[in-house]
Protein backbone atom coordinates (compact mmCIF):
# COMPACT_ATOMS: atom_id res chain seq x y z
CA UNK A 1 48.45 -43.97 50.85
CA UNK A 2 47.85 -47.39 51.34
CA UNK A 3 45.54 -47.18 53.85
CA UNK A 4 43.21 -44.53 51.65
CA UNK A 5 43.78 -46.81 47.97
CA UNK A 6 42.19 -49.96 50.12
CA UNK A 7 39.42 -47.08 51.23
CA UNK A 8 38.87 -45.83 47.97
CA UNK A 9 38.47 -49.79 46.79
CA UNK A 10 36.37 -50.68 49.33
CA UNK A 11 33.91 -47.30 48.69
CA UNK A 12 34.13 -48.27 45.14
CA UNK A 13 33.47 -52.08 45.57
CA UNK A 14 30.18 -51.49 47.85
CA UNK A 15 29.01 -48.84 45.29
CA UNK A 16 29.00 -52.38 42.87
CA UNK A 17 27.26 -54.54 45.47
CA UNK A 18 30.71 -56.77 46.00
CA UNK A 19 31.90 -57.65 49.16
CA UNK A 20 35.80 -56.96 49.77
CA UNK A 21 38.41 -58.96 51.95
CA UNK A 22 41.90 -56.95 53.50
CA UNK A 23 44.39 -59.33 54.30
CA UNK A 24 47.63 -56.91 56.29
CA UNK A 25 50.79 -58.12 54.85
CA UNK A 26 53.73 -58.56 57.44
CA UNK A 27 56.70 -59.77 55.27
CA UNK A 28 58.48 -60.51 58.56
CA UNK A 29 55.99 -62.78 59.27
CA UNK A 30 55.66 -66.12 57.56
CA UNK A 31 52.48 -67.55 59.09
CA UNK A 32 50.84 -64.11 58.45
CA UNK A 33 51.68 -65.05 54.83
CA UNK A 34 50.69 -68.64 54.74
CA UNK A 35 47.38 -67.62 56.35
CA UNK A 36 47.09 -65.04 53.62
CA UNK A 37 48.11 -67.36 50.91
CA UNK A 38 45.71 -70.14 52.04
CA UNK A 39 42.68 -67.41 52.37
CA UNK A 40 43.46 -66.43 48.40
CA UNK A 41 43.63 -69.41 47.14
CA UNK A 42 40.30 -71.28 49.22
CA UNK A 43 38.30 -68.00 47.70
CA UNK A 44 37.56 -67.92 44.49
CA UNK A 45 38.05 -64.05 43.90
CA UNK A 46 36.85 -61.48 40.97
CA UNK A 47 39.81 -59.78 41.45
CA UNK A 48 42.74 -59.50 43.63
CA UNK A 49 44.65 -56.00 43.59
CA UNK A 50 47.67 -55.78 45.84
CA UNK A 51 48.05 -52.27 47.32
CA UNK A 52 52.42 -51.30 47.19
CA UNK A 53 55.36 -53.36 45.64
CA UNK A 54 55.80 -55.83 48.21
CA UNK A 55 51.99 -56.69 47.88
CA UNK A 56 52.00 -57.24 44.16
CA UNK A 57 55.36 -59.23 44.47
CA UNK A 58 53.53 -61.64 46.72
CA UNK A 59 50.89 -62.38 44.94
CA UNK A 60 52.83 -62.73 41.84
CA UNK A 61 55.05 -64.91 43.41
CA UNK A 62 51.88 -67.27 44.04
CA UNK A 63 51.70 -68.56 40.88
CA UNK A 64 49.21 -71.18 42.07
CA UNK A 65 46.56 -68.69 42.53
CA UNK A 66 44.50 -68.08 39.15
CA UNK A 67 42.34 -65.25 40.30
CA UNK A 68 42.49 -61.84 38.13
CA UNK A 69 45.56 -59.87 40.07
CA UNK A 70 46.20 -55.70 39.52
CA UNK A 71 48.40 -54.21 41.62
CA UNK A 72 48.24 -50.64 42.69
CA UNK A 73 50.60 -47.37 44.41
CA UNK A 74 54.05 -48.80 43.10
CA UNK A 75 56.06 -45.82 41.76
CA UNK A 76 58.00 -47.69 39.07
CA UNK A 77 56.26 -51.23 38.35
CA UNK A 78 58.73 -51.72 35.33
CA UNK A 79 61.41 -52.01 37.85
CA UNK A 80 59.97 -53.56 40.81
CA UNK A 81 62.02 -56.82 41.57
CA UNK A 82 59.86 -59.87 40.89
CA UNK A 83 57.19 -58.14 39.36
CA UNK A 84 56.77 -59.80 35.94
CA UNK A 85 56.43 -57.29 32.60
CA UNK A 86 53.31 -59.00 32.09
CA UNK A 87 51.58 -57.26 35.60
CA UNK A 88 49.23 -55.06 34.73
CA UNK A 89 47.80 -51.99 37.32
CA UNK A 90 48.06 -48.05 38.31
CA UNK A 91 51.64 -46.96 38.84
CA UNK A 92 52.03 -43.97 40.99
CA UNK A 93 54.44 -42.56 38.12
CA UNK A 94 53.37 -39.30 36.14
CA UNK A 95 55.11 -39.23 32.34
CA UNK A 96 57.60 -36.84 32.88
CA UNK A 97 56.09 -34.92 29.24
CA UNK A 98 53.09 -34.10 31.66
CA UNK A 99 54.61 -33.19 34.68
CA UNK A 100 56.39 -30.27 31.76
CA UNK A 101 53.15 -29.15 30.94
CA UNK A 102 51.61 -28.47 34.45
CA UNK A 103 54.75 -26.23 36.14
CA UNK A 104 54.72 -24.29 32.40
CA UNK A 105 50.83 -23.78 32.96
CA UNK A 106 51.52 -22.73 36.76
CA UNK A 107 54.34 -20.61 36.40
CA UNK A 108 54.89 -19.03 33.11
CA UNK A 109 57.64 -16.24 34.15
CA UNK A 110 59.82 -19.26 34.87
CA UNK A 111 63.56 -19.04 33.26
CA UNK A 112 65.46 -21.43 34.41
CA UNK A 113 64.39 -25.17 36.64
CA UNK A 114 67.13 -27.02 37.90
CA UNK A 115 66.42 -30.61 38.92
CA UNK A 116 68.40 -32.48 41.56
CA UNK A 117 69.27 -35.82 41.35
CA UNK A 118 71.75 -38.34 40.56
CA UNK A 119 72.90 -39.23 37.59
CA UNK A 120 72.99 -43.29 38.15
CA UNK A 121 69.16 -43.49 39.26
CA UNK A 122 67.71 -40.94 37.47
CA UNK A 123 69.68 -39.89 34.44
CA UNK A 124 66.97 -41.14 31.65
CA UNK A 125 64.73 -38.62 33.94
CA UNK A 126 66.53 -35.54 33.58
CA UNK A 127 66.82 -36.17 29.37
CA UNK A 128 63.33 -36.85 29.30
CA UNK A 129 62.62 -33.56 31.29
CA UNK A 130 65.05 -31.33 29.39
CA UNK A 131 63.81 -32.79 25.82
CA UNK A 132 59.99 -32.18 27.48
CA UNK A 133 61.00 -28.47 28.01
CA UNK A 134 61.88 -27.46 24.44
CA UNK A 135 58.50 -26.69 24.07
CA UNK A 136 58.29 -24.36 26.84
CA UNK A 137 59.28 -20.89 27.82
CA UNK A 138 61.43 -22.32 30.92
CA UNK A 139 65.10 -23.88 30.68
CA UNK A 140 65.77 -27.33 32.21
CA UNK A 141 69.68 -27.39 33.97
CA UNK A 142 71.07 -30.50 35.51
CA UNK A 143 72.43 -30.49 39.78
CA UNK A 144 73.81 -33.11 39.71
CA UNK A 145 74.59 -35.31 43.04
CA UNK A 146 76.55 -38.54 44.10
CA UNK A 147 75.64 -38.45 47.74
CA UNK A 148 74.25 -36.66 50.06
CA UNK A 149 77.41 -34.58 51.14
CA UNK A 150 77.44 -33.18 47.97
CA UNK A 151 73.84 -31.20 47.88
CA UNK A 152 75.25 -28.75 50.01
CA UNK A 153 77.66 -27.34 47.85
CA UNK A 154 75.62 -28.18 45.12
CA UNK A 155 72.93 -25.95 46.63
CA UNK A 156 75.59 -22.93 47.48
CA UNK A 157 76.75 -23.45 43.07
CA UNK A 158 73.01 -22.70 41.64
CA UNK A 159 71.13 -20.28 44.56
CA UNK A 160 70.50 -17.76 42.72
CA UNK A 161 71.21 -19.10 39.14
CA UNK A 162 68.00 -20.98 38.85
CA UNK A 163 64.55 -19.77 39.43
CA UNK A 164 63.09 -23.29 41.28
CA UNK A 165 65.17 -26.35 41.92
CA UNK A 166 62.37 -29.65 41.47
CA UNK A 167 63.15 -32.48 43.28
CA UNK A 168 61.98 -35.51 41.89
CA UNK A 169 61.99 -39.11 43.48
CA UNK A 170 66.01 -40.21 44.17
CA UNK A 171 67.06 -42.11 46.50
CA UNK A 172 70.27 -40.24 47.24
CA UNK A 173 68.56 -37.48 47.44
CA UNK A 174 65.34 -37.90 49.46
CA UNK A 175 64.51 -37.89 52.94
CA UNK A 176 62.97 -35.37 55.72
CA UNK A 177 65.60 -33.51 56.83
CA UNK A 178 67.07 -32.94 53.28
CA UNK A 179 63.78 -32.18 51.93
CA UNK A 180 62.87 -29.57 54.52
CA UNK A 181 66.87 -28.01 54.16
CA UNK A 182 66.56 -27.78 50.48
CA UNK A 183 62.96 -25.33 50.79
CA UNK A 184 63.90 -23.31 53.54
CA UNK A 185 67.49 -22.54 51.89
CA UNK A 186 65.19 -21.57 48.75
CA UNK A 187 62.68 -19.67 50.78
CA UNK A 188 66.15 -17.42 51.84
CA UNK A 189 67.29 -17.21 48.85
CA UNK A 190 64.02 -16.25 46.73
CA UNK A 191 63.91 -19.58 45.26
CA UNK A 192 61.21 -21.84 45.32
CA UNK A 193 61.45 -25.93 45.16
CA UNK A 194 58.97 -28.14 42.86
CA UNK A 195 58.40 -31.63 45.37
CA UNK A 196 55.82 -34.59 44.52
CA UNK A 197 54.07 -34.98 47.36
CA UNK A 198 52.06 -33.61 50.49
CA UNK A 199 54.86 -33.46 52.57
CA UNK A 200 56.55 -30.52 50.17
CA UNK A 201 53.97 -28.29 50.38
CA UNK A 202 52.85 -28.58 53.68
CA UNK A 203 57.13 -28.00 54.20
CA UNK A 204 56.97 -24.91 52.13
CA UNK A 205 57.31 -26.32 48.52
CA UNK A 206 55.25 -23.88 46.41
CA UNK A 207 54.11 -26.93 44.00
CA UNK A 208 53.75 -30.82 44.24
CA UNK A 209 52.41 -33.35 42.15
CA UNK A 210 50.04 -35.10 44.39
CA UNK A 211 48.37 -38.08 43.76
CA UNK A 212 44.19 -38.98 45.01
CA UNK A 213 44.86 -42.26 46.77
CA UNK A 214 41.42 -43.12 47.71
C-alpha cells in the first residue's frame, strides 16, 4: 500500500508539473535518517508527504523543517504516538456510520451481524456501530474476546446465531491465520465474513472495505 500511495502522489504531481523526490525511511539505520533530514532541510520543498505512521512521526519530529507537511496511510492518526494533534492528512479510517450504511446497502436481508473485537481496543467502535445500526434493518451484536485463544470458543457459540461476522482492525484478533480460519469456518456454516482490505476478499470474505491507495 505504501508503494501504491507513493505512485499516486508521483503520477498526480507529474500531471501538474511538479518534481517529486522519494526517500525510503529505515528506522533501524540512523545514518539514513540523518541523510534524509539533511536533504529535507537543504531543499525548500513546496510540500512534504509522510507515508505511514513511522514516516509521519519522523517528519513531525524534525521541528526545524519549515516546509508544509501532510501525512497519508495512517489508520488511526488520533492515537498515533508522536504525531501532534494539529497534524493534517489522509487517514485510512472510514467513519463507522459510513461502513454500517454500506453494509446495509449491499446486504438488504441481513438480520444480525456479529462484530469480533477485544473491548479494551475497540469498545468505542462497537458502540458507534451499534448506534448506527438503529437506523438500518439489521442488529449488531458483540462477539467479545480477550485473547486469541477465545476466538475458537466464541465462534462456536455464535455461528448459527448470526448471519455475518464483521472483522475490524483489532490487534488481539487479527492475523492472516486467524482471518483465514474464521472465513473458512464461516463458509462451512453458511455465515458470511465482512473485512477491511483485499486480503479478506481474496481469502473468501463476502464483503470488505478496500482503499484505492494510489
